[in-house]
Amino acid sequence: MPKTGSERRPLTILLAAPRGFCAGVDRAIQIVEQALEKYGEPVYVRHEIVHNRYVVEGLEARGAIFVDELGDVPDDRPVIFSAHGVPKSVPAEADRRNLLYLDATCPLVSKVHNEAARHFDKNREIVLIGHTGHPEVIGTMGQLPDDAIWLVETVADAERFQPRGAAELAYITQTTLSVDDTNDIVETLKRRFPSIIGPGKEDICYATTNRQLAVKEIAAQCDLILVIGAPNSSNSMRLVEVAEQSGCPKSLLVQRARDIDFATLDGVGTLGITAGASAPDVLVDEVLNAFRDRFDVQLKEISVTSENISFKLPKELLH
């Protein structure tokens, strides 16, 4: 029940910017929406198009059907591959079945795939810094033959890593990692293998980096930071970690306003809010309104940079 003005205690909210959707997520969602317009219902999507249940349920309501594998897709309907990327075996199977498919892989993930292929072609031993089981890692490792890529998750892994003996080593990274944690792993690899070859341009995507910088900017000023995002969203979970590593006493992940335990706000005078790269603005607004219903909110947006990046849609949707 909303409180009246006289009952509300003051609460300062620092709203981090940039936050929310990145260009890769926006492109992936547009691909599903435009495929529905062009091909009609249903359109199939292999795995969650992005890691956000609100987005997925909204697309389901419009006629998208999300499946685990291509075997669940009928021969006469289009299928879309998620923004996280897929192993090469997936489009190969789609080609074998003559399926119409659209690849919504984020172009920055595709960049990592291309880097891996170039290193492999030059007979380099490849280290991938990433998280076991994440769809992006599965997709990247699936670009090359089994055992072509070593997965390293932590500094301890980097210390233990023993190459097979290739003349050259190279490393690539998942795009949604903690910038600081990844730097520590990279520095460990460089100390142990001074000639290891890295990306020409950092693999961690601009959106991940910018959202972490924005959280670092507000962390020390906040008593609590809420990250709006999904528990299976790597970039959202990294924001929770970065907030606490950067001086905020406590940080929590919430998927939307109904998940907030307002008892955690006892003693909180300054609250930070951000959103992972797959969380839409509507969920940020929903959370802000929930706080306005209960507190006398003073809202301040703290911006560290602006973003104006966009990615083209697949050529199949441009005609």
Foldseek 3Di string as FASTA:
>chain_A
DFDDPVQFAEAEEAEFPPFAADQLLVQLLVQLVLLCVVVNAAAEEAAQLAFAPVSSVVSVVSHYHYDPAPVVPDLPHEYEYHQLAAAPVRVVVCVVSVHHYFYSHRVLLVVLLVVLVVCVVVVAQEEEADDPPQRNVNRSCNPDDPPSYHYDHALVSLQPDDDPDTPAYEYAYRQQAQPVRVVSNVVSNCVVPVRYHYDPDHSHDPQLVQQLVRLLVCLQVWQEEEEAGHPSHSSSVNSQVSSVVNHHVHYYYDNAQVRDDCVVCVVTRYYYYHYHNPRDVVRVVRNVVSSVSRHNYDYDYDYDDDDDDHDDGDPVSVD
